[in-house]
Amino acid sequence: MRETLIGRRIRVIDSKNKSLVGIEGRVIDETKNTIKIIDKKNKEKTLVKKQITFELDSIVVEGEKIAKRIEERIKR
């Protein structure tokens, strides 16, 4: 995954914290370790990348594999 997640819709499909499974929303910010989303109820939620696996455009992404700063991830 070489592009930013900001503006994209994600859905958590697995997590070490089972209460996060099923959360979905639009990404409004991304840091090295977190993804901040806004859900259907306009509530902000911060997700720890290393704790989640999520679906993005029908692609399954393990958060641990993208736990880098955006600029590190998009470099070749």
PDB file of N, CA and C in Angstrom:
ATOM      1  N   MET A   1       0.851  -1.166   0.000  1.00  0.00           N
ATOM      2  CA  MET A   1       0.000   0.000   0.000  1.00  0.00           C
ATOM      3  C   MET A   1       0.892   1.223   0.000  1.00  0.00           C
ATOM      4  N   ARG A   2       0.917   1.917  -1.091  1.00  0.00           N
ATOM      5  CA  ARG A   2       1.839   3.032  -1.241  1.00  0.00           C
ATOM      6  C   ARG A   2       1.153   4.396  -1.208  1.00  0.00           C
ATOM      7  N   GLU A   3      -0.154   4.440  -1.168  1.00  0.00           N
ATOM      8  CA  GLU A   3      -0.836   5.731  -1.149  1.00  0.00           C
ATOM      9  C   GLU A   3      -1.400   6.027   0.239  1.00  0.00           C
ATOM     10  N   THR A   4      -1.780   7.276   0.438  1.00  0.00           N
ATOM     11  CA  THR A   4      -2.368   7.681   1.706  1.00  0.00           C
ATOM     12  C   THR A   4      -3.776   7.095   1.849  1.00  0.00           C
ATOM     13  N   LEU A   5      -4.189   6.916   3.068  1.00  0.00           N
ATOM     14  CA  LEU A   5      -5.532   6.399   3.341  1.00  0.00           C
ATOM     15  C   LEU A   5      -6.544   7.519   3.512  1.00  0.00           C
ATOM     16  N   ILE A   6      -6.070   8.743   3.680  1.00  0.00           N
ATOM     17  CA  ILE A   6      -6.967   9.869   3.968  1.00  0.00           C
ATOM     18  C   ILE A   6      -7.998  10.023   2.858  1.00  0.00           C
ATOM     19  N   GLY A   7      -9.261  10.118   3.278  1.00  0.00           N
ATOM     20  CA  GLY A   7     -10.378  10.260   2.353  1.00  0.00           C
ATOM     21  C   GLY A   7     -10.999   8.943   1.928  1.00  0.00           C
ATOM     22  N   ARG A   8     -10.359   7.835   2.238  1.00  0.00           N
ATOM     23  CA  ARG A   8     -10.863   6.527   1.822  1.00  0.00           C
ATOM     24  C   ARG A   8     -11.717   5.914   2.919  1.00  0.00           C
ATOM     25  N   ARG A   9     -12.599   5.012   2.542  1.00  0.00           N
ATOM     26  CA  ARG A   9     -13.469   4.320   3.496  1.00  0.00           C
ATOM     27  C   ARG A   9     -12.829   2.994   3.876  1.00  0.00           C
ATOM     28  N   ILE A  10     -12.837   2.697   5.179  1.00  0.00           N
ATOM     29  CA  ILE A  10     -12.308   1.427   5.659  1.00  0.00           C
ATOM     30  C   ILE A  10     -13.318   0.772   6.595  1.00  0.00           C
ATOM     31  N   ARG A  11     -13.152  -0.535   6.753  1.00  0.00           N
ATOM     32  CA  ARG A  11     -13.974  -1.307   7.693  1.00  0.00           C
ATOM     33  C   ARG A  11     -13.060  -2.297   8.401  1.00  0.00           C
ATOM     34  N   VAL A  12     -13.084  -2.273   9.731  1.00  0.00           N
ATOM     35  CA  VAL A  12     -12.255  -3.181  10.522  1.00  0.00           C
ATOM     36  C   VAL A  12     -12.871  -4.573  10.455  1.00  0.00           C
ATOM     37  N   ILE A  13     -12.071  -5.557  10.014  1.00  0.00           N
ATOM     38  CA  ILE A  13     -12.589  -6.922   9.889  1.00  0.00           C
ATOM     39  C   ILE A  13     -11.999  -7.864  10.930  1.00  0.00           C
ATOM     40  N   ASP A  14     -10.893  -7.444  11.570  1.00  0.00           N
ATOM     41  CA  ASP A  14     -10.309  -8.242  12.640  1.00  0.00           C
ATOM     42  C   ASP A  14      -9.489  -7.314  13.521  1.00  0.00           C
ATOM     43  N   SER A  15      -9.424  -7.646  14.793  1.00  0.00           N
ATOM     44  CA  SER A  15      -8.671  -6.822  15.724  1.00  0.00           C
ATOM     45  C   SER A  15      -8.339  -7.614  16.977  1.00  0.00           C
ATOM     46  N   LYS A  16      -7.237  -7.245  17.615  1.00  0.00           N
ATOM     47  CA  LYS A  16      -6.918  -7.819  18.914  1.00  0.00           C
ATOM     48  C   LYS A  16      -7.975  -7.389  19.928  1.00  0.00           C
ATOM     49  N   ASN A  17      -8.541  -6.201  19.722  1.00  0.00           N
ATOM     50  CA  ASN A  17      -9.636  -5.686  20.535  1.00  0.00           C
ATOM     51  C   ASN A  17     -10.933  -5.969  19.768  1.00  0.00           C
ATOM     52  N   LYS A  18     -11.630  -7.017  20.116  1.00  0.00           N
ATOM     53  CA  LYS A  18     -12.800  -7.480  19.360  1.00  0.00           C
ATOM     54  C   LYS A  18     -13.924  -6.445  19.288  1.00  0.00           C
ATOM     55  N   SER A  19     -13.943  -5.455  20.177  1.00  0.00           N
ATOM     56  CA  SER A  19     -14.988  -4.432  20.116  1.00  0.00           C
ATOM     57  C   SER A  19     -14.797  -3.501  18.919  1.00  0.00           C
ATOM     58  N   LEU A  20     -13.643  -3.549  18.279  1.00  0.00           N
ATOM     59  CA  LEU A  20     -13.390  -2.707  17.109  1.00  0.00           C
ATOM     60  C   LEU A  20     -13.864  -3.346  15.804  1.00  0.00           C
ATOM     61  N   VAL A  21     -14.074  -4.648  15.813  1.00  0.00           N
ATOM     62  CA  VAL A  21     -14.499  -5.351  14.599  1.00  0.00           C
ATOM     63  C   VAL A  21     -15.855  -4.810  14.150  1.00  0.00           C
ATOM     64  N   GLY A  22     -15.922  -4.450  12.878  1.00  0.00           N
ATOM     65  CA  GLY A  22     -17.159  -3.927  12.314  1.00  0.00           C
ATOM     66  C   GLY A  22     -17.198  -2.411  12.215  1.00  0.00           C
ATOM     67  N   ILE A  23     -16.286  -1.733  12.892  1.00  0.00           N
ATOM     68  CA  ILE A  23     -16.245  -0.274  12.802  1.00  0.00           C
ATOM     69  C   ILE A  23     -15.867   0.113  11.380  1.00  0.00           C
ATOM     70  N   GLU A  24     -16.568   1.084  10.854  1.00  0.00           N
ATOM     71  CA  GLU A  24     -16.247   1.561   9.516  1.00  0.00           C
ATOM     72  C   GLU A  24     -16.422   3.060   9.450  1.00  0.00           C
ATOM     73  N   GLY A  25     -15.714   3.653   8.514  1.00  0.00           N
ATOM     74  CA  GLY A  25     -15.814   5.089   8.359  1.00  0.00           C
ATOM     75  C   GLY A  25     -14.816   5.601   7.338  1.00  0.00           C
ATOM     76  N   ARG A  26     -14.785   6.925   7.230  1.00  0.00           N
ATOM     77  CA  ARG A  26     -13.894   7.591   6.289  1.00  0.00           C
ATOM     78  C   ARG A  26     -12.656   8.058   7.050  1.00  0.00           C
ATOM     79  N   VAL A  27     -11.483   7.793   6.497  1.00  0.00           N
ATOM     80  CA  VAL A  27     -10.228   8.166   7.145  1.00  0.00           C
ATOM     81  C   VAL A  27     -10.047   9.682   7.036  1.00  0.00           C
ATOM     82  N   ILE A  28      -9.832  10.326   8.197  1.00  0.00           N
ATOM     83  CA  ILE A  28      -9.623  11.774   8.204  1.00  0.00           C
ATOM     84  C   ILE A  28      -8.197  12.149   8.584  1.00  0.00           C
ATOM     85  N   ASP A  29      -7.430  11.207   9.115  1.00  0.00           N
ATOM     86  CA  ASP A  29      -6.037  11.468   9.452  1.00  0.00           C
ATOM     87  C   ASP A  29      -5.311  10.134   9.596  1.00  0.00           C
ATOM     88  N   GLU A  30      -4.017  10.178   9.348  1.00  0.00           N
ATOM     89  CA  GLU A  30      -3.199   8.975   9.464  1.00  0.00           C
ATOM     90  C   GLU A  30      -1.833   9.382   9.995  1.00  0.00           C
ATOM     91  N   THR A  31      -1.350   8.654  10.991  1.00  0.00           N
ATOM     92  CA  THR A  31       0.001   8.852  11.499  1.00  0.00           C
ATOM     93  C   THR A  31       0.755   7.543  11.345  1.00  0.00           C
ATOM     94  N   LYS A  32       1.964   7.516  11.854  1.00  0.00           N
ATOM     95  CA  LYS A  32       2.765   6.295  11.775  1.00  0.00           C
ATOM     96  C   LYS A  32       2.049   5.109  12.416  1.00  0.00           C
ATOM     97  N   ASN A  33       1.406   5.345  13.555  1.00  0.00           N
ATOM     98  CA  ASN A  33       0.818   4.247  14.317  1.00  0.00           C
ATOM     99  C   ASN A  33      -0.694   4.210  14.357  1.00  0.00           C
ATOM    100  N   THR A  34      -1.365   5.250  13.874  1.00  0.00           N
ATOM    101  CA  THR A  34      -2.821   5.299  14.005  1.00  0.00           C
ATOM    102  C   THR A  34      -3.521   5.717  12.720  1.00  0.00           C
ATOM    103  N   ILE A  35      -4.794   5.389  12.696  1.00  0.00           N
ATOM    104  CA  ILE A  35      -5.710   5.840  11.652  1.00  0.00           C
ATOM    105  C   ILE A  35      -6.885   6.476  12.385  1.00  0.00           C
ATOM    106  N   LYS A  36      -7.223   7.707  12.033  1.00  0.00           N
ATOM    107  CA  LYS A  36      -8.369   8.366  12.643  1.00  0.00           C
ATOM    108  C   LYS A  36      -9.490   8.394  11.613  1.00  0.00           C
ATOM    109  N   ILE A  37     -10.660   7.878  12.025  1.00  0.00           N
ATOM    110  CA  ILE A  37     -11.806   7.846  11.110  1.00  0.00           C
ATOM    111  C   ILE A  37     -12.962   8.639  11.699  1.00  0.00           C
ATOM    112  N   ILE A  38     -13.899   8.961  10.827  1.00  0.00           N
ATOM    113  CA  ILE A  38     -15.168   9.530  11.267  1.00  0.00           C
ATOM    114  C   ILE A  38     -16.238   8.535  10.828  1.00  0.00           C
ATOM    115  N   ASP A  39     -17.048   8.090  11.788  1.00  0.00           N
ATOM    116  CA  ASP A  39     -18.018   7.030  11.492  1.00  0.00           C
ATOM    117  C   ASP A  39     -19.350   7.613  11.010  1.00  0.00           C
ATOM    118  N   LYS A  40     -20.321   6.744  10.813  1.00  0.00           N
ATOM    119  CA  LYS A  40     -21.636   7.142  10.296  1.00  0.00           C
ATOM    120  C   LYS A  40     -22.363   8.117  11.208  1.00  0.00           C
ATOM    121  N   LYS A  41     -22.021   8.094  12.494  1.00  0.00           N
ATOM    122  CA  LYS A  41     -22.662   8.988  13.467  1.00  0.00           C
ATOM    123  C   LYS A  41     -21.851  10.263  13.677  1.00  0.00           C
ATOM    124  N   ASN A  42     -20.905  10.526  12.783  1.00  0.00           N
ATOM    125  CA  ASN A  42     -20.023  11.697  12.856  1.00  0.00           C
ATOM    126  C   ASN A  42     -19.150  11.713  14.101  1.00  0.00           C
ATOM    127  N   LYS A  43     -18.817  10.552  14.615  1.00  0.00           N
ATOM    128  CA  LYS A  43     -17.930  10.443  15.767  1.00  0.00           C
ATOM    129  C   LYS A  43     -16.543  10.053  15.277  1.00  0.00           C
ATOM    130  N   GLU A  44     -15.525  10.712  15.847  1.00  0.00           N
ATOM    131  CA  GLU A  44     -14.152  10.371  15.521  1.00  0.00           C
ATOM    132  C   GLU A  44     -13.695   9.185  16.354  1.00  0.00           C
ATOM    133  N   LYS A  45     -12.984   8.289  15.705  1.00  0.00           N
ATOM    134  CA  LYS A  45     -12.411   7.135  16.394  1.00  0.00           C
ATOM    135  C   LYS A  45     -10.967   7.003  15.934  1.00  0.00           C
ATOM    136  N   THR A  46     -10.088   6.708  16.868  1.00  0.00           N
ATOM    137  CA  THR A  46      -8.685   6.500  16.547  1.00  0.00           C
ATOM    138  C   THR A  46      -8.370   5.020  16.692  1.00  0.00           C
ATOM    139  N   LEU A  47      -7.851   4.446  15.627  1.00  0.00           N
ATOM    140  CA  LEU A  47      -7.535   3.019  15.580  1.00  0.00           C
ATOM    141  C   LEU A  47      -6.026   2.839  15.533  1.00  0.00           C
ATOM    142  N   VAL A  48      -5.509   1.915  16.320  1.00  0.00           N
ATOM    143  CA  VAL A  48      -4.079   1.603  16.318  1.00  0.00           C
ATOM    144  C   VAL A  48      -3.813   0.609  15.192  1.00  0.00           C
ATOM    145  N   LYS A  49      -2.966   0.993  14.262  1.00  0.00           N
ATOM    146  CA  LYS A  49      -2.704   0.164  13.083  1.00  0.00           C
ATOM    147  C   LYS A  49      -2.280  -1.251  13.448  1.00  0.00           C
ATOM    148  N   LYS A  50      -1.386  -1.383  14.414  1.00  0.00           N
ATOM    149  CA  LYS A  50      -0.847  -2.703  14.751  1.00  0.00           C
ATOM    150  C   LYS A  50      -1.884  -3.630  15.358  1.00  0.00           C
ATOM    151  N   GLN A  51      -3.047  -3.104  15.725  1.00  0.00           N
ATOM    152  CA  GLN A  51      -4.078  -3.928  16.356  1.00  0.00           C
ATOM    153  C   GLN A  51      -5.194  -4.333  15.406  1.00  0.00           C
ATOM    154  N   ILE A  52      -5.195  -3.818  14.167  1.00  0.00           N
ATOM    155  CA  ILE A  52      -6.339  -4.075  13.292  1.00  0.00           C
ATOM    156  C   ILE A  52      -5.945  -4.647  11.933  1.00  0.00           C
ATOM    157  N   THR A  53      -6.907  -5.351  11.365  1.00  0.00           N
ATOM    158  CA  THR A  53      -6.887  -5.740   9.960  1.00  0.00           C
ATOM    159  C   THR A  53      -8.148  -5.120   9.386  1.00  0.00           C
ATOM    160  N   PHE A  54      -8.014  -4.439   8.252  1.00  0.00           N
ATOM    161  CA  PHE A  54      -9.173  -3.735   7.711  1.00  0.00           C
ATOM    162  C   PHE A  54      -9.336  -3.977   6.223  1.00  0.00           C
ATOM    163  N   GLU A  55     -10.526  -3.662   5.771  1.00  0.00           N
ATOM    164  CA  GLU A  55     -10.852  -3.807   4.360  1.00  0.00           C
ATOM    165  C   GLU A  55     -10.906  -2.420   3.744  1.00  0.00           C
ATOM    166  N   LEU A  56     -10.258  -2.284   2.605  1.00  0.00           N
ATOM    167  CA  LEU A  56     -10.193  -1.027   1.875  1.00  0.00           C
ATOM    168  C   LEU A  56     -10.415  -1.348   0.408  1.00  0.00           C
ATOM    169  N   ASP A  57     -11.529  -0.904  -0.147  1.00  0.00           N
ATOM    170  CA  ASP A  57     -11.827  -1.183  -1.564  1.00  0.00           C
ATOM    171  C   ASP A  57     -11.727  -2.673  -1.883  1.00  0.00           C
ATOM    172  N   SER A  58     -12.299  -3.514  -1.040  1.00  0.00           N
ATOM    173  CA  SER A  58     -12.304  -4.967  -1.201  1.00  0.00           C
ATOM    174  C   SER A  58     -10.929  -5.605  -1.064  1.00  0.00           C
ATOM    175  N   ILE A  59      -9.954  -4.865  -0.556  1.00  0.00           N
ATOM    176  CA  ILE A  59      -8.612  -5.396  -0.316  1.00  0.00           C
ATOM    177  C   ILE A  59      -8.416  -5.492   1.189  1.00  0.00           C
ATOM    178  N   VAL A  60      -7.911  -6.625   1.653  1.00  0.00           N
ATOM    179  CA  VAL A  60      -7.646  -6.818   3.076  1.00  0.00           C
ATOM    180  C   VAL A  60      -6.233  -6.307   3.373  1.00  0.00           C
ATOM    181  N   VAL A  61      -6.135  -5.420   4.372  1.00  0.00           N
ATOM    182  CA  VAL A  61      -4.859  -4.812   4.734  1.00  0.00           C
ATOM    183  C   VAL A  61      -4.580  -5.085   6.207  1.00  0.00           C
ATOM    184  N   GLU A  62      -3.416  -5.648   6.487  1.00  0.00           N
ATOM    185  CA  GLU A  62      -2.994  -5.844   7.872  1.00  0.00           C
ATOM    186  C   GLU A  62      -2.329  -4.547   8.323  1.00  0.00           C
ATOM    187  N   GLY A  63      -2.909  -3.914   9.322  1.00  0.00           N
ATOM    188  CA  GLY A  63      -2.414  -2.629   9.786  1.00  0.00           C
ATOM    189  C   GLY A  63      -0.954  -2.655  10.184  1.00  0.00           C
ATOM    190  N   GLU A  64      -0.505  -3.764  10.730  1.00  0.00           N
ATOM    191  CA  GLU A  64       0.893  -3.880  11.162  1.00  0.00           C
ATOM    192  C   GLU A  64       1.861  -3.690   9.993  1.00  0.00           C
ATOM    193  N   LYS A  65       1.450  -4.101   8.797  1.00  0.00           N
ATOM    194  CA  LYS A  65       2.328  -4.005   7.629  1.00  0.00           C
ATOM    195  C   LYS A  65       2.448  -2.588   7.094  1.00  0.00           C
ATOM    196  N   ILE A  66       1.520  -1.705   7.478  1.00  0.00           N
ATOM    197  CA  ILE A  66       1.601  -0.321   7.014  1.00  0.00           C
ATOM    198  C   ILE A  66       1.861   0.642   8.171  1.00  0.00           C
ATOM    199  N   ALA A  67       2.332   0.127   9.290  1.00  0.00           N
ATOM    200  CA  ALA A  67       2.609   0.965  10.462  1.00  0.00           C
ATOM    201  C   ALA A  67       3.922   1.713  10.265  1.00  0.00           C
ATOM    202  N   LYS A  68       3.886   2.652   9.342  1.00  0.00           N
ATOM    203  CA  LYS A  68       5.016   3.512   9.012  1.00  0.00           C
ATOM    204  C   LYS A  68       4.464   4.899   8.737  1.00  0.00           C
ATOM    205  N   ARG A  69       5.353   5.876   8.746  1.00  0.00           N
ATOM    206  CA  ARG A  69       4.917   7.198   8.323  1.00  0.00           C
ATOM    207  C   ARG A  69       4.543   7.141   6.847  1.00  0.00           C
ATOM    208  N   ILE A  70       3.601   7.969   6.457  1.00  0.00           N
ATOM    209  CA  ILE A  70       3.114   7.953   5.075  1.00  0.00           C
ATOM    210  C   ILE A  70       4.270   8.113   4.093  1.00  0.00           C
ATOM    211  N   GLU A  71       5.155   9.063   4.364  1.00  0.00           N
ATOM    212  CA  GLU A  71       6.252   9.315   3.426  1.00  0.00           C
ATOM    213  C   GLU A  71       7.218   8.130   3.319  1.00  0.00           C
ATOM    214  N   GLU A  72       7.347   7.334   4.372  1.00  0.00           N
ATOM    215  CA  GLU A  72       8.188   6.130   4.302  1.00  0.00           C
ATOM    216  C   GLU A  72       7.509   5.041   3.476  1.00  0.00           C
ATOM    217  N   ARG A  73       6.203   4.988   3.565  1.00  0.00           N
ATOM    218  CA  ARG A  73       5.455   3.945   2.884  1.00  0.00           C
ATOM    219  C   ARG A  73       5.372   4.198   1.381  1.00  0.00           C
ATOM    220  N   ILE A  74       5.307   5.458   0.969  1.00  0.00           N
ATOM    221  CA  ILE A  74       5.109   5.730  -0.455  1.00  0.00           C
ATOM    222  C   ILE A  74       6.414   5.804  -1.252  1.00  0.00           C
ATOM    223  N   LYS A  75       7.551   5.828  -0.540  1.00  0.00           N
ATOM    224  CA  LYS A  75       8.848   5.811  -1.242  1.00  0.00           C
ATOM    225  C   LYS A  75       9.091   4.427  -1.812  1.00  0.00           C
ATOM    226  N   ARG A  76       9.810   4.376  -2.864  1.00  0.00           N
ATOM    227  CA  ARG A  76      10.210   3.095  -3.456  1.00  0.00           C
ATOM    228  C   ARG A  76      11.587   2.763  -3.068  1.00  0.00           C
TER     229      ARG A  76
END
